[in-house]
Amino acid sequence: MLAAAAVVIAQTGGTTPRRIVSLIPAVTEMLFAMGAGPQVVGVGTFDNYPPEAHTRARVGGLIDPHIERILSLRPDLVVVYGTQDDLEAQMERARVPVFLYEHAGLPDVAATIRALGRRVGQEQRGAALATQIDEAIADIRRRLAGRTRPRTLLIFGRDDGRTLRGVYASGGRGFLHDMLVVAGGANVFADVDRQSVQATSELILARAPDVILEIAATAATSSNSTERDLRAWDVLAAVPAVRNRRVHLLAGSEMVVPGPRLANAARRMAQALHPEAFK
């Protein structure tokens, strides 16, 4: 599932929390990265990084939060999506403070880290982490200044590695599109004002990307599986990216989770698009 970048929209409660529950993978990463890991007592179903997250209680996810399990952990702060109205209302009835955010773009990641740091008593470390991300992004922009932007198709999902069924690409909105811009690419779907586009083979042929970047949350299990995933594109030999062997698979959870590793993900994209800039 595609993670979404976050921007804080509301906070309740003012005391420094000691027992935090986070249902969002990106925010869980932020908490551990800024030194608030010892305060985290519960995490969401898909919160797999850092490895320490696996030692915390699992409390469900976006569509299936386990309310009783959350309350059993006696949290004094629960981090939820801004769309989880029912969960927010139940926390309010239980007098549990919440930290809410909703989908946004790349600039909001650092803003969320700063706001989260202030809320959990890690203001300095949160600010330092956000600044580190900002500086890493700025370094990528400097390296790529003035370079021609290849027309790029950014894929974040398809049904399986053997076919091109169920292909989903980044539209012109959201953190994936923003990362592609930072990485020196021109999104072939920049004109589509959505986070995702269901990209049929016909549509891909019509957009004729010069480069295809396919990102996956789970690392490839072997070089054979990576080769198989890339071979699936051979059926579109008329596409310039396929014809010129400019199809790249970038695997790893940092590619789809807008958290502290986001700058590294953008750098990996940039290295695939402009390898000469990183020698």
C-alpha atoms as a PDB file:
ATOM      1  CA  MET A   1       0.000   0.000   0.000  1.00  0.00           C
ATOM      2  CA  LEU A   2       1.252   3.427  -0.879  1.00  0.00           C
ATOM      3  CA  ALA A   3       2.153   5.458   2.163  1.00  0.00           C
ATOM      4  CA  ALA A   4       1.274   9.147   2.226  1.00  0.00           C
ATOM      5  CA  ALA A   5       3.300  12.116   3.290  1.00  0.00           C
ATOM      6  CA  ALA A   6       1.915  13.898   6.293  1.00  0.00           C
ATOM      7  CA  VAL A   7       1.131  17.360   7.497  1.00  0.00           C
ATOM      8  CA  VAL A   8      -0.091  18.014  11.007  1.00  0.00           C
ATOM      9  CA  ILE A   9      -3.645  19.264  11.119  1.00  0.00           C
ATOM     10  CA  ALA A  10      -4.446  19.065  14.824  1.00  0.00           C
ATOM     11  CA  GLN A  11      -3.007  18.208  18.187  1.00  0.00           C
ATOM     12  CA  THR A  12      -4.681  17.769  21.542  1.00  0.00           C
ATOM     13  CA  GLY A  13      -3.081  17.594  24.938  1.00  0.00           C
ATOM     14  CA  GLY A  14      -0.004  19.484  26.049  1.00  0.00           C
ATOM     15  CA  THR A  15       2.075  17.401  28.462  1.00  0.00           C
ATOM     16  CA  THR A  16       5.045  15.400  27.215  1.00  0.00           C
ATOM     17  CA  PRO A  17       3.767  11.876  26.464  1.00  0.00           C
ATOM     18  CA  ARG A  18       5.409   8.812  27.931  1.00  0.00           C
ATOM     19  CA  ARG A  19       3.258   6.144  26.259  1.00  0.00           C
ATOM     20  CA  ILE A  20       2.784   6.801  22.527  1.00  0.00           C
ATOM     21  CA  VAL A  21       0.818   4.705  20.037  1.00  0.00           C
ATOM     22  CA  SER A  22       1.492   5.372  16.340  1.00  0.00           C
ATOM     23  CA  LEU A  23      -0.520   3.713  13.576  1.00  0.00           C
ATOM     24  CA  ILE A  24       1.475   5.286  10.730  1.00  0.00           C
ATOM     25  CA  PRO A  25       4.744   3.759   9.453  1.00  0.00           C
ATOM     26  CA  ALA A  26       6.316   7.124   8.582  1.00  0.00           C
ATOM     27  CA  VAL A  27       5.535   8.628  11.982  1.00  0.00           C
ATOM     28  CA  THR A  28       6.781   5.544  13.790  1.00  0.00           C
ATOM     29  CA  GLU A  29      10.099   5.932  11.961  1.00  0.00           C
ATOM     30  CA  MET A  30      10.195   9.620  12.868  1.00  0.00           C
ATOM     31  CA  LEU A  31       9.650   8.889  16.556  1.00  0.00           C
ATOM     32  CA  PHE A  32      12.474   6.370  16.731  1.00  0.00           C
ATOM     33  CA  ALA A  33      14.812   8.523  14.637  1.00  0.00           C
ATOM     34  CA  MET A  34      14.389  11.526  16.930  1.00  0.00           C
ATOM     35  CA  GLY A  35      15.027   9.484  20.081  1.00  0.00           C
ATOM     36  CA  ALA A  36      11.433   8.982  21.194  1.00  0.00           C
ATOM     37  CA  GLY A  37      11.515   5.207  20.650  1.00  0.00           C
ATOM     38  CA  PRO A  38      11.427   4.424  24.399  1.00  0.00           C
ATOM     39  CA  GLN A  39       8.140   6.352  24.585  1.00  0.00           C
ATOM     40  CA  VAL A  40       6.503   4.207  21.875  1.00  0.00           C
ATOM     41  CA  VAL A  41       4.397   1.361  23.277  1.00  0.00           C
ATOM     42  CA  GLY A  42       2.254   0.467  20.265  1.00  0.00           C
ATOM     43  CA  VAL A  43       2.600   0.546  16.478  1.00  0.00           C
ATOM     44  CA  GLY A  44       0.503  -0.139  13.387  1.00  0.00           C
ATOM     45  CA  THR A  45       0.233  -3.341  11.374  1.00  0.00           C
ATOM     46  CA  PHE A  46       2.581  -2.087   8.640  1.00  0.00           C
ATOM     47  CA  ASP A  47       5.176  -0.428  10.885  1.00  0.00           C
ATOM     48  CA  ASN A  48       8.306  -2.462  10.138  1.00  0.00           C
ATOM     49  CA  TYR A  49      11.142   0.037  10.481  1.00  0.00           C
ATOM     50  CA  PRO A  50      13.315   0.452  12.431  1.00  0.00           C
ATOM     51  CA  PRO A  51      13.713  -3.174  13.603  1.00  0.00           C
ATOM     52  CA  GLU A  52      12.867  -2.043  17.156  1.00  0.00           C
ATOM     53  CA  ALA A  53       9.304  -1.432  15.984  1.00  0.00           C
ATOM     54  CA  HIS A  54       8.821  -5.199  15.917  1.00  0.00           C
ATOM     55  CA  THR A  55       9.212  -5.286  19.702  1.00  0.00           C
ATOM     56  CA  ARG A  56       6.144  -3.083  20.232  1.00  0.00           C
ATOM     57  CA  ALA A  57       2.503  -4.150  20.484  1.00  0.00           C
ATOM     58  CA  ARG A  58       0.570  -4.212  17.198  1.00  0.00           C
ATOM     59  CA  VAL A  59      -2.666  -2.226  17.248  1.00  0.00           C
ATOM     60  CA  GLY A  60      -4.079  -2.485  13.706  1.00  0.00           C
ATOM     61  CA  GLY A  61      -3.936  -0.037  10.844  1.00  0.00           C
ATOM     62  CA  LEU A  62      -5.763   2.652   8.928  1.00  0.00           C
ATOM     63  CA  ILE A  63      -8.948   0.695   8.267  1.00  0.00           C
ATOM     64  CA  ASP A  64      -8.839  -1.763  11.179  1.00  0.00           C
ATOM     65  CA  PRO A  65      -7.505  -0.110  14.354  1.00  0.00           C
ATOM     66  CA  HIS A  66      -7.946  -2.251  17.469  1.00  0.00           C
ATOM     67  CA  ILE A  67      -9.497   0.216  19.890  1.00  0.00           C
ATOM     68  CA  GLU A  68      -9.476  -2.064  22.932  1.00  0.00           C
ATOM     69  CA  ARG A  69      -5.843  -3.009  22.339  1.00  0.00           C
ATOM     70  CA  ILE A  70      -4.874   0.651  21.982  1.00  0.00           C
ATOM     71  CA  LEU A  71      -6.609   1.600  25.228  1.00  0.00           C
ATOM     72  CA  SER A  72      -5.124  -1.403  27.038  1.00  0.00           C
ATOM     73  CA  LEU A  73      -1.685   0.115  26.461  1.00  0.00           C
ATOM     74  CA  ARG A  74      -2.746   3.178  28.499  1.00  0.00           C
ATOM     75  CA  PRO A  75      -1.468   5.682  25.922  1.00  0.00           C
ATOM     76  CA  ASP A  76      -1.111   9.358  26.665  1.00  0.00           C
ATOM     77  CA  LEU A  77      -0.763  10.178  22.935  1.00  0.00           C
ATOM     78  CA  VAL A  78      -2.138   8.391  19.859  1.00  0.00           C
ATOM     79  CA  VAL A  79      -0.949   9.339  16.367  1.00  0.00           C
ATOM     80  CA  VAL A  80      -3.653   8.783  13.732  1.00  0.00           C
ATOM     81  CA  TYR A  81      -4.553   9.718  10.154  1.00  0.00           C
ATOM     82  CA  GLY A  82      -6.747  12.758   9.785  1.00  0.00           C
ATOM     83  CA  THR A  83      -9.280  10.529   8.010  1.00  0.00           C
ATOM     84  CA  GLN A  84      -9.718   8.214  11.011  1.00  0.00           C
ATOM     85  CA  ASP A  85     -12.693  10.135  12.373  1.00  0.00           C
ATOM     86  CA  ASP A  86     -14.105   7.244  14.377  1.00  0.00           C
ATOM     87  CA  LEU A  87     -10.776   6.479  16.045  1.00  0.00           C
ATOM     88  CA  GLU A  88     -10.314  10.150  16.870  1.00  0.00           C
ATOM     89  CA  ALA A  89     -13.794  10.330  18.406  1.00  0.00           C
ATOM     90  CA  GLN A  90     -13.179   7.219  20.498  1.00  0.00           C
ATOM     91  CA  MET A  91      -9.881   8.589  21.768  1.00  0.00           C
ATOM     92  CA  GLU A  92     -11.630  11.848  22.627  1.00  0.00           C
ATOM     93  CA  ARG A  93     -14.291   9.950  24.613  1.00  0.00           C
ATOM     94  CA  ALA A  94     -11.525   8.076  26.429  1.00  0.00           C
ATOM     95  CA  ARG A  95      -9.739  11.406  27.095  1.00  0.00           C
ATOM     96  CA  VAL A  96      -6.627  10.255  25.231  1.00  0.00           C
ATOM     97  CA  PRO A  97      -4.707  13.091  23.481  1.00  0.00           C
ATOM     98  CA  VAL A  98      -4.210  12.694  19.731  1.00  0.00           C
ATOM     99  CA  PHE A  99      -1.803  13.917  17.073  1.00  0.00           C
ATOM    100  CA  LEU A 100      -3.535  14.072  13.674  1.00  0.00           C
ATOM    101  CA  TYR A 101      -2.223  14.591  10.174  1.00  0.00           C
ATOM    102  CA  GLU A 102      -3.403  14.194   6.608  1.00  0.00           C
ATOM    103  CA  HIS A 103      -1.944  13.492   3.172  1.00  0.00           C
ATOM    104  CA  ALA A 104       0.391  16.097   1.693  1.00  0.00           C
ATOM    105  CA  GLY A 105       3.655  16.464  -0.214  1.00  0.00           C
ATOM    106  CA  LEU A 106       7.401  16.308   0.255  1.00  0.00           C
ATOM    107  CA  PRO A 107       7.871  19.666   2.078  1.00  0.00           C
ATOM    108  CA  ASP A 108       5.405  18.571   4.750  1.00  0.00           C
ATOM    109  CA  VAL A 109       7.561  15.647   5.866  1.00  0.00           C
ATOM    110  CA  ALA A 110      10.134  17.904   7.544  1.00  0.00           C
ATOM    111  CA  ALA A 111       7.324  20.097   8.890  1.00  0.00           C
ATOM    112  CA  THR A 112       5.702  17.048  10.487  1.00  0.00           C
ATOM    113  CA  ILE A 113       8.988  15.951  12.040  1.00  0.00           C
ATOM    114  CA  ARG A 114       9.456  19.372  13.624  1.00  0.00           C
ATOM    115  CA  ALA A 115       5.894  19.488  14.958  1.00  0.00           C
ATOM    116  CA  LEU A 116       6.100  15.923  16.237  1.00  0.00           C
ATOM    117  CA  GLY A 117       9.392  16.646  17.981  1.00  0.00           C
ATOM    118  CA  ARG A 118       7.831  19.583  19.804  1.00  0.00           C
ATOM    119  CA  ARG A 119       4.845  17.499  20.841  1.00  0.00           C
ATOM    120  CA  VAL A 120       6.790  14.535  22.257  1.00  0.00           C
ATOM    121  CA  GLY A 121       9.526  16.474  24.057  1.00  0.00           C
ATOM    122  CA  GLN A 122      12.200  15.992  21.380  1.00  0.00           C
ATOM    123  CA  GLU A 123      12.131  19.450  19.819  1.00  0.00           C
ATOM    124  CA  GLN A 124      15.873  19.843  19.272  1.00  0.00           C
ATOM    125  CA  ARG A 125      16.427  16.361  17.901  1.00  0.00           C
ATOM    126  CA  GLY A 126      13.332  16.632  15.726  1.00  0.00           C
ATOM    127  CA  ALA A 127      14.500  19.959  14.324  1.00  0.00           C
ATOM    128  CA  ALA A 128      17.981  18.548  13.676  1.00  0.00           C
ATOM    129  CA  LEU A 129      16.517  15.536  11.868  1.00  0.00           C
ATOM    130  CA  ALA A 130      14.311  17.763   9.705  1.00  0.00           C
ATOM    131  CA  THR A 131      17.254  20.014   8.875  1.00  0.00           C
ATOM    132  CA  GLN A 132      19.349  16.990   7.911  1.00  0.00           C
ATOM    133  CA  ILE A 133      16.635  15.906   5.455  1.00  0.00           C
ATOM    134  CA  ASP A 134      16.305  19.432   4.039  1.00  0.00           C
ATOM    135  CA  GLU A 135      20.064  19.658   3.515  1.00  0.00           C
ATOM    136  CA  ALA A 136      20.254  16.256   1.826  1.00  0.00           C
ATOM    137  CA  ILE A 137      17.451  17.246  -0.558  1.00  0.00           C
ATOM    138  CA  ALA A 138      19.201  20.550  -1.269  1.00  0.00           C
ATOM    139  CA  ASP A 139      22.424  18.673  -2.104  1.00  0.00           C
ATOM    140  CA  ILE A 140      20.578  16.549  -4.679  1.00  0.00           C
ATOM    141  CA  ARG A 141      19.084  19.673  -6.261  1.00  0.00           C
ATOM    142  CA  ARG A 142      22.535  21.292  -6.491  1.00  0.00           C
ATOM    143  CA  ARG A 143      24.055  18.250  -8.163  1.00  0.00           C
ATOM    144  CA  LEU A 144      21.310  18.193 -10.796  1.00  0.00           C
ATOM    145  CA  ALA A 145      20.975  21.917 -11.458  1.00  0.00           C
ATOM    146  CA  GLY A 146      20.841  22.660 -15.173  1.00  0.00           C
ATOM    147  CA  ARG A 147      20.603  19.028 -16.284  1.00  0.00           C
ATOM    148  CA  THR A 148      18.018  17.880 -18.805  1.00  0.00           C
ATOM    149  CA  ARG A 149      15.095  16.137 -17.138  1.00  0.00           C
ATOM    150  CA  PRO A 150      14.216  12.794 -18.781  1.00  0.00           C
ATOM    151  CA  ARG A 151      10.518  12.058 -19.191  1.00  0.00           C
ATOM    152  CA  THR A 152       9.971   9.504 -16.442  1.00  0.00           C
ATOM    153  CA  LEU A 153       7.256   7.018 -15.566  1.00  0.00           C
ATOM    154  CA  LEU A 154       7.294   6.344 -11.817  1.00  0.00           C
ATOM    155  CA  ILE A 155       5.598   3.021 -10.969  1.00  0.00           C
ATOM    156  CA  PHE A 156       4.750   2.102  -7.384  1.00  0.00           C
ATOM    157  CA  GLY A 157       2.574  -0.970  -7.866  1.00  0.00           C
ATOM    158  CA  ARG A 158       1.448  -3.770 -10.173  1.00  0.00           C
ATOM    159  CA  ASP A 159      -0.329  -7.073  -9.665  1.00  0.00           C
ATOM    160  CA  ASP A 160       2.726  -9.311 -10.036  1.00  0.00           C
ATOM    161  CA  GLY A 161       6.258  -9.337 -11.359  1.00  0.00           C
ATOM    162  CA  ARG A 162       5.507 -11.370 -14.475  1.00  0.00           C
ATOM    163  CA  THR A 163       2.952  -9.140 -16.186  1.00  0.00           C
ATOM    164  CA  LEU A 164       1.971  -5.504 -16.575  1.00  0.00           C
ATOM    165  CA  ARG A 165      -1.497  -5.954 -15.084  1.00  0.00           C
ATOM    166  CA  GLY A 166      -2.695  -3.544 -12.418  1.00  0.00           C
ATOM    167  CA  VAL A 167       0.073  -0.994 -12.957  1.00  0.00           C
ATOM    168  CA  TYR A 168      -0.151   2.136 -10.822  1.00  0.00           C
ATOM    169  CA  ALA A 169       2.001   5.205 -11.437  1.00  0.00           C
ATOM    170  CA  SER A 170       2.568   8.495  -9.651  1.00  0.00           C
ATOM    171  CA  GLY A 171       0.345  11.307 -10.799  1.00  0.00           C
ATOM    172  CA  GLY A 172       1.265  14.972 -10.514  1.00  0.00           C
ATOM    173  CA  ARG A 173       0.544  15.314  -6.820  1.00  0.00           C
ATOM    174  CA  GLY A 174       2.006  13.808  -3.647  1.00  0.00           C
ATOM    175  CA  PHE A 175       5.379  13.002  -2.170  1.00  0.00           C
ATOM    176  CA  LEU A 176       6.354  10.478  -4.871  1.00  0.00           C
ATOM    177  CA  HIS A 177       5.884  13.086  -7.590  1.00  0.00           C
ATOM    178  CA  ASP A 178       7.797  15.611  -5.477  1.00  0.00           C
ATOM    179  CA  MET A 179      10.670  13.158  -4.987  1.00  0.00           C
ATOM    180  CA  LEU A 180      10.836  12.525  -8.721  1.00  0.00           C
ATOM    181  CA  VAL A 181      11.127  16.259  -9.364  1.00  0.00           C
ATOM    182  CA  VAL A 182      13.944  16.519  -6.793  1.00  0.00           C
ATOM    183  CA  ALA A 183      15.635  13.536  -8.472  1.00  0.00           C
ATOM    184  CA  GLY A 184      15.758  15.369 -11.788  1.00  0.00           C
ATOM    185  CA  GLY A 185      12.928  13.649 -13.616  1.00  0.00           C
ATOM    186  CA  ALA A 186       9.948  15.016 -15.535  1.00  0.00           C
ATOM    187  CA  ASN A 187       6.867  13.033 -14.540  1.00  0.00           C
ATOM    188  CA  VAL A 188       4.985  11.871 -17.650  1.00  0.00           C
ATOM    189  CA  PHE A 189       1.787  12.157 -15.604  1.00  0.00           C
ATOM    190  CA  ALA A 190       2.561  15.577 -14.113  1.00  0.00           C
ATOM    191  CA  ASP A 191      -0.610  16.903 -15.730  1.00  0.00           C
ATOM    192  CA  VAL A 192      -2.814  14.481 -13.763  1.00  0.00           C
ATOM    193  CA  ASP A 193      -3.838  16.167 -10.500  1.00  0.00           C
ATOM    194  CA  ARG A 194      -3.935  12.971  -8.465  1.00  0.00           C
ATOM    195  CA  GLN A 195      -1.487  10.955  -6.410  1.00  0.00           C
ATOM    196  CA  SER A 196      -1.932   7.843  -8.544  1.00  0.00           C
ATOM    197  CA  VAL A 197      -2.812   6.859 -12.098  1.00  0.00           C
ATOM    198  CA  GLN A 198      -3.857   3.412 -13.281  1.00  0.00           C
ATOM    199  CA  ALA A 199      -1.443   3.122 -16.183  1.00  0.00           C
ATOM    200  CA  THR A 200      -2.628   0.759 -18.910  1.00  0.00           C
ATOM    201  CA  SER A 201      -0.182  -0.430 -21.554  1.00  0.00           C
ATOM    202  CA  GLU A 202      -1.929   1.804 -24.070  1.00  0.00           C
ATOM    203  CA  LEU A 203      -1.499   4.828 -21.835  1.00  0.00           C
ATOM    204  CA  ILE A 204       2.177   4.049 -21.231  1.00  0.00           C
ATOM    205  CA  LEU A 205       2.741   3.725 -24.963  1.00  0.00           C
ATOM    206  CA  ALA A 206       1.036   7.082 -25.512  1.00  0.00           C
ATOM    207  CA  ARG A 207       3.121   8.848 -22.853  1.00  0.00           C
ATOM    208  CA  ALA A 208       6.351   7.295 -24.206  1.00  0.00           C
ATOM    209  CA  PRO A 209       8.630   7.724 -21.163  1.00  0.00           C
ATOM    210  CA  ASP A 210      12.388   7.941 -21.643  1.00  0.00           C
ATOM    211  CA  VAL A 211      12.944   6.255 -18.264  1.00  0.00           C
ATOM    212  CA  ILE A 212      10.826   3.921 -16.159  1.00  0.00           C
ATOM    213  CA  LEU A 213      11.467   3.825 -12.421  1.00  0.00           C
ATOM    214  CA  GLU A 214       9.650   1.050 -10.623  1.00  0.00           C
ATOM    215  CA  ILE A 215       9.735   1.210  -6.853  1.00  0.00           C
ATOM    216  CA  ALA A 216       8.767  -1.575  -4.458  1.00  0.00           C
ATOM    217  CA  ALA A 217       8.424  -1.633  -0.693  1.00  0.00           C
ATOM    218  CA  THR A 218       9.859  -5.136  -0.410  1.00  0.00           C
ATOM    219  CA  ALA A 219      13.400  -5.801  -1.532  1.00  0.00           C
ATOM    220  CA  ALA A 220      13.814  -8.333  -4.337  1.00  0.00           C
ATOM    221  CA  THR A 221      14.609 -11.782  -3.003  1.00  0.00           C
ATOM    222  CA  SER A 222      17.240 -12.507  -5.677  1.00  0.00           C
ATOM    223  CA  SER A 223      18.838 -11.183  -8.834  1.00  0.00           C
ATOM    224  CA  ASN A 224      16.645 -13.649 -10.750  1.00  0.00           C
ATOM    225  CA  SER A 225      13.457 -12.098  -9.389  1.00  0.00           C
ATOM    226  CA  THR A 226      14.735  -8.612 -10.213  1.00  0.00           C
ATOM    227  CA  GLU A 227      15.526  -9.695 -13.776  1.00  0.00           C
ATOM    228  CA  ARG A 228      12.096 -11.298 -14.093  1.00  0.00           C
ATOM    229  CA  ASP A 229      10.374  -8.113 -12.893  1.00  0.00           C
ATOM    230  CA  LEU A 230      12.298  -6.029 -15.424  1.00  0.00           C
ATOM    231  CA  ARG A 231      11.690  -8.516 -18.272  1.00  0.00           C
ATOM    232  CA  ALA A 232       7.948  -7.960 -17.935  1.00  0.00           C
ATOM    233  CA  TRP A 233       8.462  -4.572 -19.578  1.00  0.00           C
ATOM    234  CA  ASP A 234       9.833  -6.154 -22.750  1.00  0.00           C
ATOM    235  CA  VAL A 235       6.304  -6.432 -24.157  1.00  0.00           C
ATOM    236  CA  LEU A 236       6.370  -2.632 -24.549  1.00  0.00           C
ATOM    237  CA  ALA A 237       9.473  -2.564 -26.766  1.00  0.00           C
ATOM    238  CA  ALA A 238       8.171   0.519 -28.600  1.00  0.00           C
ATOM    239  CA  VAL A 239       8.483   2.607 -25.428  1.00  0.00           C
ATOM    240  CA  PRO A 240      11.798   4.544 -25.487  1.00  0.00           C
ATOM    241  CA  ALA A 241      12.660   3.545 -21.904  1.00  0.00           C
ATOM    242  CA  VAL A 242      12.298  -0.141 -22.756  1.00  0.00           C
ATOM    243  CA  ARG A 243      14.000   0.135 -26.150  1.00  0.00           C
ATOM    244  CA  ASN A 244      16.999   1.903 -24.620  1.00  0.00           C
ATOM    245  CA  ARG A 245      17.178  -0.345 -21.524  1.00  0.00           C
ATOM    246  CA  ARG A 246      16.386   2.466 -19.122  1.00  0.00           C
ATOM    247  CA  VAL A 247      14.036   0.569 -16.823  1.00  0.00           C
ATOM    248  CA  HIS A 248      15.164   0.514 -13.193  1.00  0.00           C
ATOM    249  CA  LEU A 249      13.816  -1.337 -10.163  1.00  0.00           C
ATOM    250  CA  LEU A 250      14.392   0.437  -6.824  1.00  0.00           C
ATOM    251  CA  ALA A 251      13.385  -1.789  -3.923  1.00  0.00           C
ATOM    252  CA  GLY A 252      13.184  -1.040  -0.208  1.00  0.00           C
ATOM    253  CA  SER A 253      10.611   0.378   2.196  1.00  0.00           C
ATOM    254  CA  GLU A 254      12.311   3.792   2.179  1.00  0.00           C
ATOM    255  CA  MET A 255      11.067   4.215  -1.390  1.00  0.00           C
ATOM    256  CA  VAL A 256       7.417   4.326  -0.353  1.00  0.00           C
ATOM    257  CA  VAL A 257       7.441   5.567   3.253  1.00  0.00           C
ATOM    258  CA  PRO A 258       7.741   9.359   3.620  1.00  0.00           C
ATOM    259  CA  GLY A 259       9.836   9.309   6.764  1.00  0.00           C
ATOM    260  CA  PRO A 260      13.420  10.029   7.833  1.00  0.00           C
ATOM    261  CA  ARG A 261      14.894   7.916   4.994  1.00  0.00           C
ATOM    262  CA  LEU A 262      13.079   9.923   2.327  1.00  0.00           C
ATOM    263  CA  ALA A 263      16.172  11.878   1.238  1.00  0.00           C
ATOM    264  CA  ASN A 264      18.026   8.609   0.656  1.00  0.00           C
ATOM    265  CA  ALA A 265      15.117   7.406  -1.487  1.00  0.00           C
ATOM    266  CA  ALA A 266      15.249  10.604  -3.561  1.00  0.00           C
ATOM    267  CA  ARG A 267      19.008  10.170  -3.984  1.00  0.00           C
ATOM    268  CA  ARG A 268      18.521   6.612  -5.259  1.00  0.00           C
ATOM    269  CA  MET A 269      16.045   7.914  -7.825  1.00  0.00           C
ATOM    270  CA  ALA A 270      18.492  10.628  -8.847  1.00  0.00           C
ATOM    271  CA  GLN A 271      21.345   8.141  -9.222  1.00  0.00           C
ATOM    272  CA  ALA A 272      19.187   6.040 -11.550  1.00  0.00           C
ATOM    273  CA  LEU A 273      18.208   9.065 -13.659  1.00  0.00           C
ATOM    274  CA  HIS A 274      21.547  10.928 -13.587  1.00  0.00           C
ATOM    275  CA  PRO A 275      24.313   8.462 -12.613  1.00  0.00           C
ATOM    276  CA  GLU A 276      26.993  10.807 -13.959  1.00  0.00           C
ATOM    277  CA  ALA A 277      26.132  13.388 -11.274  1.00  0.00           C
ATOM    278  CA  PHE A 278      27.063  11.046  -8.435  1.00  0.00           C
ATOM    279  CA  LYS A 279      30.427   9.696  -9.531  1.00  0.00           C
END
